[in-house]
Amino acid sequence: MEIKGNGEFVYEVTGDGVKVLRCFSFGQYAGIPGEIEGKPVVELAPYAFSEHLDGTIKEKIDAAGPADPLSARQALCGERLREISLPETLERIGRYTFYNCSSLERIQFYSRTRDIGAGAFTGCHRVRTLDFTVCGQDAAGLKELLTELTEVLCVCYHGEEDACLWFPEYYEEGVENTPARILETHVHGTGLHYRNCFFEKEFQFEEYDSLFYLAKAQENPRLAARMAMGRLLYPLRLTPEAGERYIEYLRENAEGVGCFLIEKKELNQLEFLVRNCLPEGQNGREVLRVLTEKAGAEGDAQAGSFLLDFSHTMYPSVRKRFVL
């Protein structure tokens, strides 16, 4: 196959579409188009965004790349890559395509991308956000990518409605059972349970929600709060029972969660917490007092103003009257 270049991409035209071999850019963001030469982009080649390339392939790519290395774009690979947007047409990601892209933080992709080669995301330990659009009910591509990435992830899920799904970290450890002369695999963290919430190709929201008892017991309280808040703010297929469990957790931890949201400048989430998850009575008033002081200490005028207004509305001052 002939290797071609257009200054921004080096690619091959195959029988079913275009395979991207290399991307060139001035910045740290890669936006892969849906078409090149009028044909759909269906594949990312092995090592396409890795600094490691086979010598022969590298020579061909260099020959097809930008002609003037001093003024043209540089190869966007390795630790330079921070964010990538993949097109709806993309079907395959090759072996080690993103090998050691250690600065990659965000991936946008569609459910048609379901064939992911071995080690495609090896060394990508800073990925924190997946922006995923599902076509129909087929979420197989999401399952494949979640399997590759074991760190804490926030999935922005776009289906018939939007959802915000947090997936905890997990890791596997090989432990030798000497008497039995076998090596046992021990799994740490709840992330594997959450990543298994699929039936065939469809993501199971009810199963995801049913696992919250594990997150409450084993995960960082701030992550558990993120998980609860994400489901309540974007309640796609959220049952009333599951919603009440999330609200109960936030109500029990309202002070700590509120302080965390103020630190992160998450005003929308703070407003939701205060309006829907405050403890009743004097406990709620005390939480508001602590949060107002926290907003002042953080210098957050917006949060402080909202909290003062809400406090005055919920707990209006009673003026004393003296009758002579």
C-alpha atoms as a PDB file:
ATOM      1  CA  MET A   1       0.000   0.000   0.000  1.00  0.00           C
ATOM      2  CA  GLU A   2       1.220   3.497  -0.821  1.00  0.00           C
ATOM      3  CA  ILE A   3       1.888   5.759   2.157  1.00  0.00           C
ATOM      4  CA  LYS A   4       0.607   9.306   1.616  1.00  0.00           C
ATOM      5  CA  GLY A   5       0.805  12.568   3.514  1.00  0.00           C
ATOM      6  CA  ASN A   6      -1.151  15.830   3.514  1.00  0.00           C
ATOM      7  CA  GLY A   7       0.950  17.845   5.963  1.00  0.00           C
ATOM      8  CA  GLU A   8      -1.286  16.963   8.905  1.00  0.00           C
ATOM      9  CA  PHE A   9      -1.564  13.175   8.607  1.00  0.00           C
ATOM     10  CA  VAL A  10       0.420  10.309   7.123  1.00  0.00           C
ATOM     11  CA  TYR A  11      -1.938   7.527   6.046  1.00  0.00           C
ATOM     12  CA  GLU A  12      -2.666   4.520   3.864  1.00  0.00           C
ATOM     13  CA  VAL A  13      -5.759   4.058   1.721  1.00  0.00           C
ATOM     14  CA  THR A  14      -6.939   0.474   2.279  1.00  0.00           C
ATOM     15  CA  GLY A  15      -9.809  -1.571   0.888  1.00  0.00           C
ATOM     16  CA  ASP A  16     -12.360  -0.397   3.448  1.00  0.00           C
ATOM     17  CA  GLY A  17     -11.097   3.123   4.112  1.00  0.00           C
ATOM     18  CA  VAL A  18      -8.127   5.053   5.490  1.00  0.00           C
ATOM     19  CA  LYS A  19      -5.581   3.956   8.098  1.00  0.00           C
ATOM     20  CA  VAL A  20      -3.841   6.824   9.934  1.00  0.00           C
ATOM     21  CA  LEU A  21      -0.137   6.145  10.535  1.00  0.00           C
ATOM     22  CA  ARG A  22       0.983   9.446  12.054  1.00  0.00           C
ATOM     23  CA  CYS A  23      -0.402  12.824  13.076  1.00  0.00           C
ATOM     24  CA  PHE A  24       1.483  16.138  12.850  1.00  0.00           C
ATOM     25  CA  SER A  25       0.513  19.183  14.890  1.00  0.00           C
ATOM     26  CA  PHE A  26       1.775  22.376  16.493  1.00  0.00           C
ATOM     27  CA  GLY A  27      -0.141  21.648  19.702  1.00  0.00           C
ATOM     28  CA  GLN A  28      -1.039  18.810  22.055  1.00  0.00           C
ATOM     29  CA  TYR A  29      -4.528  17.983  20.728  1.00  0.00           C
ATOM     30  CA  ALA A  30      -5.239  15.484  17.948  1.00  0.00           C
ATOM     31  CA  GLY A  31      -8.539  15.640  16.090  1.00  0.00           C
ATOM     32  CA  ILE A  32      -8.846  12.710  13.692  1.00  0.00           C
ATOM     33  CA  PRO A  33     -11.218  13.523  10.794  1.00  0.00           C
ATOM     34  CA  GLY A  34     -13.986  11.208   9.663  1.00  0.00           C
ATOM     35  CA  GLU A  35     -12.774  11.328   6.051  1.00  0.00           C
ATOM     36  CA  ILE A  36      -9.526  11.705   4.129  1.00  0.00           C
ATOM     37  CA  GLU A  37      -9.598  11.820   0.312  1.00  0.00           C
ATOM     38  CA  GLY A  38     -13.358  11.291   0.519  1.00  0.00           C
ATOM     39  CA  LYS A  39     -12.951   7.903   2.230  1.00  0.00           C
ATOM     40  CA  PRO A  40     -13.823   7.057   5.850  1.00  0.00           C
ATOM     41  CA  VAL A  41     -11.047   6.897   8.427  1.00  0.00           C
ATOM     42  CA  VAL A  42     -11.485   3.412   9.902  1.00  0.00           C
ATOM     43  CA  GLU A  43      -8.200   2.573  11.634  1.00  0.00           C
ATOM     44  CA  LEU A  44      -5.297   3.900  13.684  1.00  0.00           C
ATOM     45  CA  ALA A  45      -2.125   1.995  12.853  1.00  0.00           C
ATOM     46  CA  PRO A  46       0.038   0.234  15.461  1.00  0.00           C
ATOM     47  CA  TYR A  47       2.286   2.727  17.289  1.00  0.00           C
ATOM     48  CA  ALA A  48       0.603   5.646  15.467  1.00  0.00           C
ATOM     49  CA  PHE A  49       0.957   7.948  18.497  1.00  0.00           C
ATOM     50  CA  SER A  50       3.941   6.255  20.120  1.00  0.00           C
ATOM     51  CA  GLU A  51       7.489   7.544  19.906  1.00  0.00           C
ATOM     52  CA  HIS A  52       8.582   3.976  19.186  1.00  0.00           C
ATOM     53  CA  LEU A  53       8.327   2.947  15.532  1.00  0.00           C
ATOM     54  CA  ASP A  54       9.774   0.169  13.426  1.00  0.00           C
ATOM     55  CA  GLY A  55      12.738   1.595  11.488  1.00  0.00           C
ATOM     56  CA  THR A  56      11.374   0.799   8.021  1.00  0.00           C
ATOM     57  CA  ILE A  57       7.936   2.238   8.786  1.00  0.00           C
ATOM     58  CA  LYS A  58       9.526   5.317  10.345  1.00  0.00           C
ATOM     59  CA  GLU A  59      11.517   6.009   7.186  1.00  0.00           C
ATOM     60  CA  LYS A  60       8.372   5.801   5.040  1.00  0.00           C
ATOM     61  CA  ILE A  61       6.410   8.048   7.404  1.00  0.00           C
ATOM     62  CA  ASP A  62       9.211  10.603   7.552  1.00  0.00           C
ATOM     63  CA  ALA A  63       9.340  10.633   3.752  1.00  0.00           C
ATOM     64  CA  ALA A  64       5.581  11.278   3.508  1.00  0.00           C
ATOM     65  CA  GLY A  65       5.461  13.779   6.371  1.00  0.00           C
ATOM     66  CA  PRO A  66       5.866  17.564   6.260  1.00  0.00           C
ATOM     67  CA  ALA A  67       8.585  18.582   3.807  1.00  0.00           C
ATOM     68  CA  ASP A  68      10.136  21.371   5.894  1.00  0.00           C
ATOM     69  CA  PRO A  69      10.868  20.073   9.414  1.00  0.00           C
ATOM     70  CA  LEU A  70      11.813  23.546  10.660  1.00  0.00           C
ATOM     71  CA  SER A  71       8.543  25.294   9.811  1.00  0.00           C
ATOM     72  CA  ALA A  72       6.036  22.462   9.671  1.00  0.00           C
ATOM     73  CA  ARG A  73       4.146  20.621  12.363  1.00  0.00           C
ATOM     74  CA  GLN A  74       5.931  18.105  14.565  1.00  0.00           C
ATOM     75  CA  ALA A  75       4.853  14.493  14.961  1.00  0.00           C
ATOM     76  CA  LEU A  76       2.246  14.412  17.720  1.00  0.00           C
ATOM     77  CA  CYS A  77       3.297  11.393  19.743  1.00  0.00           C
ATOM     78  CA  GLY A  78       4.516  10.223  23.123  1.00  0.00           C
ATOM     79  CA  GLU A  79       4.250  12.643  26.009  1.00  0.00           C
ATOM     80  CA  ARG A  80       3.246  15.567  23.729  1.00  0.00           C
ATOM     81  CA  LEU A  81      -0.256  14.152  23.243  1.00  0.00           C
ATOM     82  CA  ARG A  82      -2.752  15.323  25.882  1.00  0.00           C
ATOM     83  CA  GLU A  83      -6.163  14.935  24.228  1.00  0.00           C
ATOM     84  CA  ILE A  84      -7.535  13.086  21.212  1.00  0.00           C
ATOM     85  CA  SER A  85     -10.882  13.083  19.424  1.00  0.00           C
ATOM     86  CA  LEU A  86     -11.680   9.994  17.351  1.00  0.00           C
ATOM     87  CA  PRO A  87     -14.330  10.036  14.590  1.00  0.00           C
ATOM     88  CA  GLU A  88     -17.558   8.025  14.488  1.00  0.00           C
ATOM     89  CA  THR A  89     -16.186   6.116  11.489  1.00  0.00           C
ATOM     90  CA  LEU A  90     -13.212   4.662  13.389  1.00  0.00           C
ATOM     91  CA  GLU A  91     -13.464   0.901  13.902  1.00  0.00           C
ATOM     92  CA  ARG A  92      -9.985  -0.271  14.904  1.00  0.00           C
ATOM     93  CA  ILE A  93      -7.137   0.883  17.134  1.00  0.00           C
ATOM     94  CA  GLY A  94      -3.924  -1.016  16.471  1.00  0.00           C
ATOM     95  CA  ARG A  95      -1.452  -2.655  18.814  1.00  0.00           C
ATOM     96  CA  TYR A  96       0.398  -0.205  21.076  1.00  0.00           C
ATOM     97  CA  THR A  97      -1.100   2.743  19.195  1.00  0.00           C
ATOM     98  CA  PHE A  98      -0.787   5.010  22.251  1.00  0.00           C
ATOM     99  CA  TYR A  99       2.189   3.245  23.822  1.00  0.00           C
ATOM    100  CA  ASN A 100       3.743   5.479  26.512  1.00  0.00           C
ATOM    101  CA  CYS A 101       1.563   8.506  25.770  1.00  0.00           C
ATOM    102  CA  SER A 102       2.131   9.393  29.401  1.00  0.00           C
ATOM    103  CA  SER A 103       0.469  12.843  29.237  1.00  0.00           C
ATOM    104  CA  LEU A 104      -2.760  11.702  27.552  1.00  0.00           C
ATOM    105  CA  GLU A 105      -5.692  12.836  29.721  1.00  0.00           C
ATOM    106  CA  ARG A 106      -8.869  12.798  27.615  1.00  0.00           C
ATOM    107  CA  ILE A 107     -10.224  10.546  24.849  1.00  0.00           C
ATOM    108  CA  GLN A 108     -13.362  11.252  22.813  1.00  0.00           C
ATOM    109  CA  PHE A 109     -14.721   8.280  20.856  1.00  0.00           C
ATOM    110  CA  TYR A 110     -17.818   6.468  19.559  1.00  0.00           C
ATOM    111  CA  SER A 111     -19.261   3.004  20.060  1.00  0.00           C
ATOM    112  CA  ARG A 112     -18.218   1.900  16.572  1.00  0.00           C
ATOM    113  CA  THR A 113     -14.613   1.782  17.858  1.00  0.00           C
ATOM    114  CA  ARG A 114     -14.606  -1.712  19.321  1.00  0.00           C
ATOM    115  CA  ASP A 115     -11.531  -3.501  17.933  1.00  0.00           C
ATOM    116  CA  ILE A 116      -8.679  -2.439  20.225  1.00  0.00           C
ATOM    117  CA  GLY A 117      -5.288  -4.080  19.774  1.00  0.00           C
ATOM    118  CA  ALA A 118      -3.166  -5.523  22.558  1.00  0.00           C
ATOM    119  CA  GLY A 119      -1.398  -2.938  24.691  1.00  0.00           C
ATOM    120  CA  ALA A 120      -2.989  -0.028  22.832  1.00  0.00           C
ATOM    121  CA  PHE A 121      -2.937   2.159  25.952  1.00  0.00           C
ATOM    122  CA  THR A 122       0.096   0.733  27.747  1.00  0.00           C
ATOM    123  CA  GLY A 123       1.772   3.502  29.744  1.00  0.00           C
ATOM    124  CA  CYS A 124      -1.226   5.875  29.535  1.00  0.00           C
ATOM    125  CA  HIS A 125      -1.608   6.331  33.293  1.00  0.00           C
ATOM    126  CA  ARG A 126      -2.935   9.900  33.265  1.00  0.00           C
ATOM    127  CA  VAL A 127      -6.154   9.324  31.312  1.00  0.00           C
ATOM    128  CA  ARG A 128      -8.973  10.637  33.502  1.00  0.00           C
ATOM    129  CA  THR A 129     -11.855  11.390  31.111  1.00  0.00           C
ATOM    130  CA  LEU A 130     -13.569   9.327  28.427  1.00  0.00           C
ATOM    131  CA  ASP A 131     -16.132  11.171  26.299  1.00  0.00           C
ATOM    132  CA  PHE A 132     -18.209   8.357  24.823  1.00  0.00           C
ATOM    133  CA  THR A 133     -21.122   8.536  22.374  1.00  0.00           C
ATOM    134  CA  VAL A 134     -23.155   5.358  21.999  1.00  0.00           C
ATOM    135  CA  CYS A 135     -24.932   4.518  18.746  1.00  0.00           C
ATOM    136  CA  GLY A 136     -28.163   2.676  19.556  1.00  0.00           C
ATOM    137  CA  GLN A 137     -27.606   0.463  22.599  1.00  0.00           C
ATOM    138  CA  ASP A 138     -24.196  -0.813  21.520  1.00  0.00           C
ATOM    139  CA  ALA A 139     -21.625   0.181  24.161  1.00  0.00           C
ATOM    140  CA  ALA A 140     -19.100  -2.540  23.344  1.00  0.00           C
ATOM    141  CA  GLY A 141     -16.429   0.037  22.534  1.00  0.00           C
ATOM    142  CA  LEU A 142     -16.718   1.499  26.021  1.00  0.00           C
ATOM    143  CA  LYS A 143     -16.226  -1.916  27.596  1.00  0.00           C
ATOM    144  CA  GLU A 144     -13.082  -2.488  25.550  1.00  0.00           C
ATOM    145  CA  LEU A 145     -11.552   0.833  26.530  1.00  0.00           C
ATOM    146  CA  LEU A 146     -12.452   0.466  30.214  1.00  0.00           C
ATOM    147  CA  THR A 147     -10.665  -2.879  30.204  1.00  0.00           C
ATOM    148  CA  GLU A 148      -7.496  -1.195  28.911  1.00  0.00           C
ATOM    149  CA  LEU A 149      -7.527   1.654  31.454  1.00  0.00           C
ATOM    150  CA  THR A 150      -7.517   0.651  35.133  1.00  0.00           C
ATOM    151  CA  GLU A 151      -7.107   4.045  36.846  1.00  0.00           C
ATOM    152  CA  VAL A 152      -9.945   6.248  38.146  1.00  0.00           C
ATOM    153  CA  LEU A 153     -12.016   7.387  35.158  1.00  0.00           C
ATOM    154  CA  CYS A 154     -14.885   9.778  34.553  1.00  0.00           C
ATOM    155  CA  VAL A 155     -17.028   8.689  31.600  1.00  0.00           C
ATOM    156  CA  CYS A 156     -19.180  11.358  29.953  1.00  0.00           C
ATOM    157  CA  TYR A 157     -21.788   9.039  28.424  1.00  0.00           C
ATOM    158  CA  HIS A 158     -23.942  10.314  25.547  1.00  0.00           C
ATOM    159  CA  GLY A 159     -26.865   8.052  24.653  1.00  0.00           C
ATOM    160  CA  GLU A 160     -30.592   8.754  24.535  1.00  0.00           C
ATOM    161  CA  GLU A 161     -29.655  11.155  27.364  1.00  0.00           C
ATOM    162  CA  ASP A 162     -26.369  12.107  29.010  1.00  0.00           C
ATOM    163  CA  ALA A 163     -24.856  10.383  32.041  1.00  0.00           C
ATOM    164  CA  CYS A 164     -21.791  10.948  34.213  1.00  0.00           C
ATOM    165  CA  LEU A 165     -20.225   7.672  35.368  1.00  0.00           C
ATOM    166  CA  TRP A 166     -17.187   7.406  37.624  1.00  0.00           C
ATOM    167  CA  PHE A 167     -15.162   4.193  37.604  1.00  0.00           C
ATOM    168  CA  PRO A 168     -12.796   3.502  40.524  1.00  0.00           C
ATOM    169  CA  GLU A 169      -9.279   2.185  40.093  1.00  0.00           C
ATOM    170  CA  TYR A 170      -8.311  -1.462  40.419  1.00  0.00           C
ATOM    171  CA  TYR A 171      -5.145  -3.475  40.045  1.00  0.00           C
ATOM    172  CA  GLU A 172      -4.208  -7.126  40.010  1.00  0.00           C
ATOM    173  CA  GLU A 173      -1.472  -8.695  42.119  1.00  0.00           C
ATOM    174  CA  GLY A 174       0.099 -12.101  41.658  1.00  0.00           C
ATOM    175  CA  VAL A 175       0.473 -13.911  44.995  1.00  0.00           C
ATOM    176  CA  GLU A 176       2.320 -17.200  45.235  1.00  0.00           C
ATOM    177  CA  ASN A 177       0.515 -20.024  47.027  1.00  0.00           C
ATOM    178  CA  THR A 178       3.586 -22.022  47.992  1.00  0.00           C
ATOM    179  CA  PRO A 179       1.928 -25.167  49.423  1.00  0.00           C
ATOM    180  CA  ALA A 180      -0.258 -25.532  46.333  1.00  0.00           C
ATOM    181  CA  ARG A 181       2.549 -24.446  43.979  1.00  0.00           C
ATOM    182  CA  ILE A 182       0.287 -22.053  42.116  1.00  0.00           C
ATOM    183  CA  LEU A 183       0.215 -18.320  41.487  1.00  0.00           C
ATOM    184  CA  GLU A 184      -3.045 -16.703  42.574  1.00  0.00           C
ATOM    185  CA  THR A 185      -4.337 -13.410  41.189  1.00  0.00           C
ATOM    186  CA  HIS A 186      -5.685 -11.022  43.819  1.00  0.00           C
ATOM    187  CA  VAL A 187      -7.753  -8.028  42.672  1.00  0.00           C
ATOM    188  CA  HIS A 188      -7.611  -4.818  44.715  1.00  0.00           C
ATOM    189  CA  GLY A 189     -10.173  -2.014  44.451  1.00  0.00           C
ATOM    190  CA  THR A 190     -13.779  -1.993  43.278  1.00  0.00           C
ATOM    191  CA  GLY A 191     -13.017  -0.836  39.738  1.00  0.00           C
ATOM    192  CA  LEU A 192     -13.194  -4.305  38.189  1.00  0.00           C
ATOM    193  CA  HIS A 193     -16.731  -4.831  39.528  1.00  0.00           C
ATOM    194  CA  TYR A 194     -17.851  -1.557  37.975  1.00  0.00           C
ATOM    195  CA  ARG A 195     -16.144  -2.325  34.666  1.00  0.00           C
ATOM    196  CA  ASN A 196     -18.108  -5.569  34.413  1.00  0.00           C
ATOM    197  CA  CYS A 197     -21.516  -3.824  34.346  1.00  0.00           C
ATOM    198  CA  PHE A 198     -22.245  -4.945  30.797  1.00  0.00           C
ATOM    199  CA  PHE A 199     -24.658  -7.487  29.379  1.00  0.00           C
ATOM    200  CA  GLU A 200     -23.535  -8.426  25.892  1.00  0.00           C
ATOM    201  CA  LYS A 201     -23.034  -4.983  24.289  1.00  0.00           C
ATOM    202  CA  GLU A 202     -25.213  -2.861  26.566  1.00  0.00           C
ATOM    203  CA  PHE A 203     -24.161  -0.993  29.719  1.00  0.00           C
ATOM    204  CA  GLN A 204     -26.251  -1.951  32.765  1.00  0.00           C
ATOM    205  CA  PHE A 205     -27.029   1.182  34.771  1.00  0.00           C
ATOM    206  CA  GLU A 206     -28.982  -0.643  37.478  1.00  0.00           C
ATOM    207  CA  GLU A 207     -26.081  -3.008  38.100  1.00  0.00           C
ATOM    208  CA  TYR A 208     -23.717  -0.034  38.305  1.00  0.00           C
ATOM    209  CA  ASP A 209     -25.958   1.615  40.907  1.00  0.00           C
ATOM    210  CA  SER A 210     -26.327  -1.620  42.892  1.00  0.00           C
ATOM    211  CA  LEU A 211     -22.555  -1.670  43.559  1.00  0.00           C
ATOM    212  CA  PHE A 212     -22.486   1.604  45.476  1.00  0.00           C
ATOM    213  CA  TYR A 213     -22.269  -0.236  48.795  1.00  0.00           C
ATOM    214  CA  LEU A 214     -18.815  -1.415  47.709  1.00  0.00           C
ATOM    215  CA  ALA A 215     -17.664   2.098  46.827  1.00  0.00           C
ATOM    216  CA  LYS A 216     -18.911   3.441  50.174  1.00  0.00           C
ATOM    217  CA  ALA A 217     -16.971   0.796  52.070  1.00  0.00           C
ATOM    218  CA  GLN A 218     -13.729   0.651  50.070  1.00  0.00           C
ATOM    219  CA  GLU A 219     -13.177   3.836  48.077  1.00  0.00           C
ATOM    220  CA  ASN A 220     -12.051   7.333  49.010  1.00  0.00           C
ATOM    221  CA  PRO A 221     -15.098   9.275  50.319  1.00  0.00           C
ATOM    222  CA  ARG A 222     -14.454  12.030  47.788  1.00  0.00           C
ATOM    223  CA  LEU A 223     -14.620   9.552  44.912  1.00  0.00           C
ATOM    224  CA  ALA A 224     -17.779   7.991  46.349  1.00  0.00           C
ATOM    225  CA  ALA A 225     -19.279  11.479  46.500  1.00  0.00           C
ATOM    226  CA  ARG A 226     -18.311  12.095  42.867  1.00  0.00           C
ATOM    227  CA  MET A 227     -20.021   8.850  41.874  1.00  0.00           C
ATOM    228  CA  ALA A 228     -23.201   9.753  43.752  1.00  0.00           C
ATOM    229  CA  MET A 229     -23.283  13.309  42.449  1.00  0.00           C
ATOM    230  CA  GLY A 230     -22.691  12.207  38.870  1.00  0.00           C
ATOM    231  CA  ARG A 231     -25.668   9.861  38.917  1.00  0.00           C
ATOM    232  CA  LEU A 232     -27.982  12.378  40.581  1.00  0.00           C
ATOM    233  CA  LEU A 233     -27.113  15.246  38.246  1.00  0.00           C
ATOM    234  CA  TYR A 234     -27.481  13.056  35.133  1.00  0.00           C
ATOM    235  CA  PRO A 235     -30.033  10.418  36.212  1.00  0.00           C
ATOM    236  CA  LEU A 236     -30.145   8.301  33.046  1.00  0.00           C
ATOM    237  CA  ARG A 237     -32.047   5.105  33.996  1.00  0.00           C
ATOM    238  CA  LEU A 238     -31.653   5.914  37.694  1.00  0.00           C
ATOM    239  CA  THR A 239     -34.323   4.193  39.795  1.00  0.00           C
ATOM    240  CA  PRO A 240     -35.908   6.081  42.736  1.00  0.00           C
ATOM    241  CA  GLU A 241     -34.434   3.539  45.168  1.00  0.00           C
ATOM    242  CA  ALA A 242     -30.898   3.999  43.848  1.00  0.00           C
ATOM    243  CA  GLY A 243     -31.320   7.765  43.813  1.00  0.00           C
ATOM    244  CA  GLU A 244     -32.355   7.751  47.457  1.00  0.00           C
ATOM    245  CA  ARG A 245     -29.255   5.726  48.391  1.00  0.00           C
ATOM    246  CA  TYR A 246     -27.037   8.312  46.721  1.00  0.00           C
ATOM    247  CA  ILE A 247     -28.873  11.206  48.414  1.00  0.00           C
ATOM    248  CA  GLU A 248     -28.612   9.481  51.802  1.00  0.00           C
ATOM    249  CA  TYR A 249     -24.848   9.112  51.401  1.00  0.00           C
ATOM    250  CA  LEU A 250     -24.423  12.773  50.462  1.00  0.00           C
ATOM    251  CA  ARG A 251     -26.669  13.864  53.336  1.00  0.00           C
ATOM    252  CA  GLU A 252     -24.601  11.856  55.823  1.00  0.00           C
ATOM    253  CA  ASN A 253     -21.398  13.425  54.470  1.00  0.00           C
ATOM    254  CA  ALA A 254     -22.712  16.849  53.463  1.00  0.00           C
ATOM    255  CA  GLU A 255     -20.093  18.864  55.333  1.00  0.00           C
ATOM    256  CA  GLY A 256     -17.072  17.016  53.933  1.00  0.00           C
ATOM    257  CA  VAL A 257     -18.514  16.814  50.424  1.00  0.00           C
ATOM    258  CA  GLY A 258     -19.457  20.496  50.444  1.00  0.00           C
ATOM    259  CA  CYS A 259     -15.965  21.566  51.532  1.00  0.00           C
ATOM    260  CA  PHE A 260     -14.482  19.414  48.777  1.00  0.00           C
ATOM    261  CA  LEU A 261     -16.746  20.991  46.150  1.00  0.00           C
ATOM    262  CA  ILE A 262     -15.796  24.482  47.332  1.00  0.00           C
ATOM    263  CA  GLU A 263     -12.106  23.594  47.014  1.00  0.00           C
ATOM    264  CA  LYS A 264     -12.716  22.353  43.450  1.00  0.00           C
ATOM    265  CA  LYS A 265     -14.826  25.417  42.511  1.00  0.00           C
ATOM    266  CA  GLU A 266     -17.767  23.156  41.600  1.00  0.00           C
ATOM    267  CA  LEU A 267     -20.540  25.691  42.198  1.00  0.00           C
ATOM    268  CA  ASN A 268     -23.286  23.817  40.312  1.00  0.00           C
ATOM    269  CA  GLN A 269     -22.661  20.653  42.293  1.00  0.00           C
ATOM    270  CA  LEU A 270     -22.466  22.635  45.541  1.00  0.00           C
ATOM    271  CA  GLU A 271     -25.859  24.200  44.821  1.00  0.00           C
ATOM    272  CA  PHE A 272     -27.348  20.766  44.128  1.00  0.00           C
ATOM    273  CA  LEU A 273     -25.894  19.390  47.367  1.00  0.00           C
ATOM    274  CA  VAL A 274     -27.192  22.254  49.495  1.00  0.00           C
ATOM    275  CA  ARG A 275     -30.663  22.284  47.928  1.00  0.00           C
ATOM    276  CA  ASN A 276     -31.208  18.520  47.999  1.00  0.00           C
ATOM    277  CA  CYS A 277     -28.913  16.799  50.493  1.00  0.00           C
ATOM    278  CA  LEU A 278     -28.668  18.922  53.643  1.00  0.00           C
ATOM    279  CA  PRO A 279     -29.396  17.222  56.980  1.00  0.00           C
ATOM    280  CA  GLU A 280     -32.595  18.344  58.636  1.00  0.00           C
ATOM    281  CA  GLY A 281     -32.942  20.840  61.467  1.00  0.00           C
ATOM    282  CA  GLN A 282     -30.025  22.237  63.415  1.00  0.00           C
ATOM    283  CA  ASN A 283     -27.558  19.845  61.773  1.00  0.00           C
ATOM    284  CA  GLY A 284     -28.306  21.375  58.389  1.00  0.00           C
ATOM    285  CA  ARG A 285     -27.862  24.867  59.779  1.00  0.00           C
ATOM    286  CA  GLU A 286     -24.470  23.892  61.208  1.00  0.00           C
ATOM    287  CA  VAL A 287     -23.377  22.433  57.863  1.00  0.00           C
ATOM    288  CA  LEU A 288     -24.300  25.709  56.147  1.00  0.00           C
ATOM    289  CA  ARG A 289     -22.282  27.668  58.702  1.00  0.00           C
ATOM    290  CA  VAL A 290     -19.196  25.493  58.126  1.00  0.00           C
ATOM    291  CA  LEU A 291     -19.533  25.699  54.344  1.00  0.00           C
ATOM    292  CA  THR A 292     -19.956  29.482  54.440  1.00  0.00           C
ATOM    293  CA  GLU A 293     -16.778  29.810  56.495  1.00  0.00           C
ATOM    294  CA  LYS A 294     -14.995  27.470  54.078  1.00  0.00           C
ATOM    295  CA  ALA A 295     -16.044  29.581  51.095  1.00  0.00           C
ATOM    296  CA  GLY A 296     -14.698  32.667  52.859  1.00  0.00           C
ATOM    297  CA  ALA A 297     -11.399  30.956  53.633  1.00  0.00           C
ATOM    298  CA  GLU A 298     -11.080  29.887  49.979  1.00  0.00           C
ATOM    299  CA  GLY A 299     -11.923  33.380  48.744  1.00  0.00           C
ATOM    300  CA  ASP A 300     -14.847  32.020  46.718  1.00  0.00           C
ATOM    301  CA  ALA A 301     -17.260  34.950  46.542  1.00  0.00           C
ATOM    302  CA  GLN A 302     -19.821  33.136  44.368  1.00  0.00           C
ATOM    303  CA  ALA A 303     -20.104  30.153  46.691  1.00  0.00           C
ATOM    304  CA  GLY A 304     -20.155  32.406  49.751  1.00  0.00           C
ATOM    305  CA  SER A 305     -22.929  34.584  48.319  1.00  0.00           C
ATOM    306  CA  PHE A 306     -25.054  31.568  47.411  1.00  0.00           C
ATOM    307  CA  LEU A 307     -24.589  29.968  50.837  1.00  0.00           C
ATOM    308  CA  LEU A 308     -25.466  33.181  52.702  1.00  0.00           C
ATOM    309  CA  ASP A 309     -28.598  33.720  50.598  1.00  0.00           C
ATOM    310  CA  PHE A 310     -29.695  30.125  51.046  1.00  0.00           C
ATOM    311  CA  SER A 311     -29.021  30.252  54.786  1.00  0.00           C
ATOM    312  CA  HIS A 312     -31.086  33.421  55.196  1.00  0.00           C
ATOM    313  CA  THR A 313     -33.929  31.861  53.210  1.00  0.00           C
ATOM    314  CA  MET A 314     -33.941  28.585  55.130  1.00  0.00           C
ATOM    315  CA  TYR A 315     -33.190  29.988  58.562  1.00  0.00           C
ATOM    316  CA  PRO A 316     -34.469  33.591  58.698  1.00  0.00           C
ATOM    317  CA  SER A 317     -33.365  35.583  61.726  1.00  0.00           C
ATOM    318  CA  VAL A 318     -36.043  36.139  64.350  1.00  0.00           C
ATOM    319  CA  ARG A 319     -36.006  39.684  65.665  1.00  0.00           C
ATOM    320  CA  LYS A 320     -36.619  40.044  69.368  1.00  0.00           C
ATOM    321  CA  ARG A 321     -39.379  42.431  70.383  1.00  0.00           C
ATOM    322  CA  PHE A 322     -39.515  44.147  73.731  1.00  0.00           C
ATOM    323  CA  VAL A 323     -42.856  45.328  75.088  1.00  0.00           C
ATOM    324  CA  LEU A 324     -42.754  47.967  77.838  1.00  0.00           C
END
